[in-house]
Amino acid sequence: MDDSVYAGNAGEDAALDRGWLLGHFKEPGDPRRSDSVEIKWGVHPRGDERARWVRGEERRTLLVLISGRFRVAFPGRGVLLKDQGDYVVWGRGVDHSWVAEEESVVLTVRWPSVPGYAAPHEEEGG
């Protein structure tokens, strides 16, 4: 087996690491470890929301709706993702939060991958 290749299922693998499939938090030698990018397969029940706002964001983010209805909040503005494929992109310095208005699946891509953004319930595996 080639250790530089990993094949899996996003739904199954996401359940093992709070949704995160790729990023700085994977073990050294794991082909999913990256300091350049993070990828998350987020499965959110209706009413799920971020425990606290992300402030002082250092990364750029792309969030794509796979299914459901998902609202991303920014200071003075909200973006509703309601149709499969709807997406929003934001950059460094943009504070944000989110709520799943319906059961939702979203794909999040962030770059670069840096520590320090887990909300309290995320740190505890929730």
C-alpha atoms as a PDB file:
ATOM      1  CA  MET A   1       0.000   0.000   0.000  1.00  0.00           C
ATOM      2  CA  ASP A   2       1.208   3.498  -0.850  1.00  0.00           C
ATOM      3  CA  ASP A   3       1.167   5.639   2.328  1.00  0.00           C
ATOM      4  CA  SER A   4       0.795   8.793   0.233  1.00  0.00           C
ATOM      5  CA  VAL A   5      -2.701   7.724  -0.908  1.00  0.00           C
ATOM      6  CA  TYR A   6      -5.801   7.655   1.289  1.00  0.00           C
ATOM      7  CA  ALA A   7      -9.295   6.686   0.161  1.00  0.00           C
ATOM      8  CA  GLY A   8     -12.320   6.953   2.405  1.00  0.00           C
ATOM      9  CA  ASN A   9     -15.895   8.091   2.803  1.00  0.00           C
ATOM     10  CA  ALA A  10     -16.476  11.706   3.886  1.00  0.00           C
ATOM     11  CA  GLY A  11     -19.512  10.843   6.006  1.00  0.00           C
ATOM     12  CA  GLU A  12     -17.741   8.037   7.845  1.00  0.00           C
ATOM     13  CA  ASP A  13     -14.351   9.740   8.235  1.00  0.00           C
ATOM     14  CA  ALA A  14     -15.912  13.057   9.293  1.00  0.00           C
ATOM     15  CA  ALA A  15     -17.534  11.370  12.273  1.00  0.00           C
ATOM     16  CA  LEU A  16     -14.068  10.486  13.595  1.00  0.00           C
ATOM     17  CA  ASP A  17     -12.677  14.053  13.803  1.00  0.00           C
ATOM     18  CA  ARG A  18     -15.579  16.521  14.296  1.00  0.00           C
ATOM     19  CA  GLY A  19     -16.101  16.649  10.537  1.00  0.00           C
ATOM     20  CA  TRP A  20     -12.545  17.475   9.550  1.00  0.00           C
ATOM     21  CA  LEU A  21     -11.092  15.414   6.726  1.00  0.00           C
ATOM     22  CA  LEU A  22      -7.840  17.254   6.044  1.00  0.00           C
ATOM     23  CA  GLY A  23      -5.644  19.815   7.836  1.00  0.00           C
ATOM     24  CA  HIS A  24      -2.828  20.553  10.277  1.00  0.00           C
ATOM     25  CA  PHE A  25      -4.525  18.455  12.985  1.00  0.00           C
ATOM     26  CA  LYS A  26      -3.955  15.086  11.258  1.00  0.00           C
ATOM     27  CA  GLU A  27      -1.019  12.968  12.391  1.00  0.00           C
ATOM     28  CA  PRO A  28       2.401  13.443  10.740  1.00  0.00           C
ATOM     29  CA  GLY A  29       2.764  11.009   7.837  1.00  0.00           C
ATOM     30  CA  ASP A  30      -1.013  10.899   7.209  1.00  0.00           C
ATOM     31  CA  PRO A  31      -1.631  12.006   3.599  1.00  0.00           C
ATOM     32  CA  ARG A  32      -4.549  14.076   4.966  1.00  0.00           C
ATOM     33  CA  ARG A  33      -2.201  16.291   6.993  1.00  0.00           C
ATOM     34  CA  SER A  34      -1.778  19.764   5.523  1.00  0.00           C
ATOM     35  CA  ASP A  35      -0.664  23.178   6.736  1.00  0.00           C
ATOM     36  CA  SER A  36      -1.928  24.668   3.471  1.00  0.00           C
ATOM     37  CA  VAL A  37      -5.631  23.783   3.579  1.00  0.00           C
ATOM     38  CA  GLU A  38      -8.402  22.353   5.779  1.00  0.00           C
ATOM     39  CA  ILE A  39     -11.459  20.484   4.513  1.00  0.00           C
ATOM     40  CA  LYS A  40     -14.545  19.676   6.574  1.00  0.00           C
ATOM     41  CA  TRP A  41     -17.626  17.579   5.788  1.00  0.00           C
ATOM     42  CA  GLY A  42     -20.088  19.193   8.175  1.00  0.00           C
ATOM     43  CA  VAL A  43     -23.284  17.341   9.069  1.00  0.00           C
ATOM     44  CA  HIS A  44     -25.554  19.604  11.130  1.00  0.00           C
ATOM     45  CA  PRO A  45     -28.956  18.821  12.647  1.00  0.00           C
ATOM     46  CA  ARG A  46     -31.660  21.468  12.392  1.00  0.00           C
ATOM     47  CA  GLY A  47     -30.950  24.273  14.871  1.00  0.00           C
ATOM     48  CA  ASP A  48     -27.251  23.464  15.239  1.00  0.00           C
ATOM     49  CA  GLU A  49     -25.249  26.663  15.587  1.00  0.00           C
ATOM     50  CA  ARG A  50     -21.697  27.729  16.245  1.00  0.00           C
ATOM     51  CA  ALA A  51     -21.067  28.087  19.990  1.00  0.00           C
ATOM     52  CA  ARG A  52     -19.414  31.503  19.512  1.00  0.00           C
ATOM     53  CA  TRP A  53     -18.429  33.862  16.720  1.00  0.00           C
ATOM     54  CA  VAL A  54     -15.023  33.447  15.080  1.00  0.00           C
ATOM     55  CA  ARG A  55     -13.208  36.738  15.614  1.00  0.00           C
ATOM     56  CA  GLY A  56      -9.924  37.835  14.058  1.00  0.00           C
ATOM     57  CA  GLU A  57     -10.099  35.250  11.290  1.00  0.00           C
ATOM     58  CA  GLU A  58      -6.679  34.538   9.714  1.00  0.00           C
ATOM     59  CA  ARG A  59      -7.889  32.179   6.989  1.00  0.00           C
ATOM     60  CA  ARG A  60      -9.869  32.387   3.767  1.00  0.00           C
ATOM     61  CA  THR A  61     -12.946  30.150   3.587  1.00  0.00           C
ATOM     62  CA  LEU A  62     -15.214  28.590   0.981  1.00  0.00           C
ATOM     63  CA  LEU A  63     -18.421  26.975   2.286  1.00  0.00           C
ATOM     64  CA  VAL A  64     -20.594  24.957  -0.146  1.00  0.00           C
ATOM     65  CA  LEU A  65     -24.100  23.678   0.629  1.00  0.00           C
ATOM     66  CA  ILE A  66     -24.525  19.992  -0.214  1.00  0.00           C
ATOM     67  CA  SER A  67     -28.030  19.669   1.260  1.00  0.00           C
ATOM     68  CA  GLY A  68     -30.379  21.466   3.648  1.00  0.00           C
ATOM     69  CA  ARG A  69     -30.673  25.148   4.512  1.00  0.00           C
ATOM     70  CA  PHE A  70     -27.700  26.864   6.163  1.00  0.00           C
ATOM     71  CA  ARG A  71     -27.210  30.498   7.202  1.00  0.00           C
ATOM     72  CA  VAL A  72     -23.789  32.109   7.619  1.00  0.00           C
ATOM     73  CA  ALA A  73     -23.710  35.323   9.643  1.00  0.00           C
ATOM     74  CA  PHE A  74     -21.247  38.158   9.161  1.00  0.00           C
ATOM     75  CA  PRO A  75     -21.229  41.536  10.913  1.00  0.00           C
ATOM     76  CA  GLY A  76     -24.155  43.414   9.389  1.00  0.00           C
ATOM     77  CA  ARG A  77     -24.998  40.673   6.874  1.00  0.00           C
ATOM     78  CA  GLY A  78     -26.369  37.150   6.652  1.00  0.00           C
ATOM     79  CA  VAL A  79     -26.063  34.759   3.714  1.00  0.00           C
ATOM     80  CA  LEU A  80     -28.667  32.009   3.275  1.00  0.00           C
ATOM     81  CA  LEU A  81     -27.560  28.887   1.421  1.00  0.00           C
ATOM     82  CA  LYS A  82     -30.729  27.064   0.350  1.00  0.00           C
ATOM     83  CA  ASP A  83     -30.069  25.342  -2.980  1.00  0.00           C
ATOM     84  CA  GLN A  84     -27.553  22.556  -3.503  1.00  0.00           C
ATOM     85  CA  GLY A  85     -24.322  24.145  -4.690  1.00  0.00           C
ATOM     86  CA  ASP A  86     -24.970  27.572  -3.136  1.00  0.00           C
ATOM     87  CA  TYR A  87     -21.738  28.844  -1.640  1.00  0.00           C
ATOM     88  CA  VAL A  88     -20.121  31.762   0.137  1.00  0.00           C
ATOM     89  CA  VAL A  89     -16.468  32.820   0.287  1.00  0.00           C
ATOM     90  CA  TRP A  90     -14.886  35.126   2.853  1.00  0.00           C
ATOM     91  CA  GLY A  91     -11.395  36.262   3.648  1.00  0.00           C
ATOM     92  CA  ARG A  92      -9.034  37.189   6.421  1.00  0.00           C
ATOM     93  CA  GLY A  93     -10.374  39.501   9.071  1.00  0.00           C
ATOM     94  CA  VAL A  94     -14.042  38.595   8.467  1.00  0.00           C
ATOM     95  CA  ASP A  95     -15.804  37.559  11.687  1.00  0.00           C
ATOM     96  CA  HIS A  96     -18.502  34.923  11.243  1.00  0.00           C
ATOM     97  CA  SER A  97     -20.907  32.454  12.765  1.00  0.00           C
ATOM     98  CA  TRP A  98     -23.532  30.035  11.385  1.00  0.00           C
ATOM     99  CA  VAL A  99     -26.774  28.170  12.050  1.00  0.00           C
ATOM    100  CA  ALA A 100     -28.385  25.173  10.332  1.00  0.00           C
ATOM    101  CA  GLU A 101     -31.971  26.231   9.597  1.00  0.00           C
ATOM    102  CA  GLU A 102     -32.689  22.667   8.418  1.00  0.00           C
ATOM    103  CA  GLU A 103     -30.667  19.467   8.707  1.00  0.00           C
ATOM    104  CA  SER A 104     -27.692  20.354   6.508  1.00  0.00           C
ATOM    105  CA  VAL A 105     -24.511  19.004   4.989  1.00  0.00           C
ATOM    106  CA  VAL A 106     -21.845  21.546   4.044  1.00  0.00           C
ATOM    107  CA  LEU A 107     -18.344  21.253   2.636  1.00  0.00           C
ATOM    108  CA  THR A 108     -15.908  23.790   4.068  1.00  0.00           C
ATOM    109  CA  VAL A 109     -12.481  24.549   2.599  1.00  0.00           C
ATOM    110  CA  ARG A 110     -10.139  26.846   4.551  1.00  0.00           C
ATOM    111  CA  TRP A 111      -6.660  28.015   3.809  1.00  0.00           C
ATOM    112  CA  PRO A 112      -4.125  28.025   5.338  1.00  0.00           C
ATOM    113  CA  SER A 113      -4.649  25.411   8.052  1.00  0.00           C
ATOM    114  CA  VAL A 114      -3.836  26.990  11.413  1.00  0.00           C
ATOM    115  CA  PRO A 115      -4.728  26.017  14.994  1.00  0.00           C
ATOM    116  CA  GLY A 116      -6.813  28.057  17.391  1.00  0.00           C
ATOM    117  CA  TYR A 117     -10.382  28.242  16.095  1.00  0.00           C
ATOM    118  CA  ALA A 118     -12.209  25.336  17.748  1.00  0.00           C
ATOM    119  CA  ALA A 119     -15.257  26.482  19.701  1.00  0.00           C
ATOM    120  CA  PRO A 120     -15.687  24.985  23.212  1.00  0.00           C
ATOM    121  CA  HIS A 121     -18.183  22.299  22.130  1.00  0.00           C
ATOM    122  CA  GLU A 122     -15.936  21.410  19.187  1.00  0.00           C
ATOM    123  CA  GLU A 123     -12.931  21.001  21.474  1.00  0.00           C
ATOM    124  CA  GLU A 124     -14.945  18.511  23.508  1.00  0.00           C
ATOM    125  CA  GLY A 125     -15.918  16.574  20.376  1.00  0.00           C
ATOM    126  CA  GLY A 126     -19.499  17.901  20.192  1.00  0.00           C
END
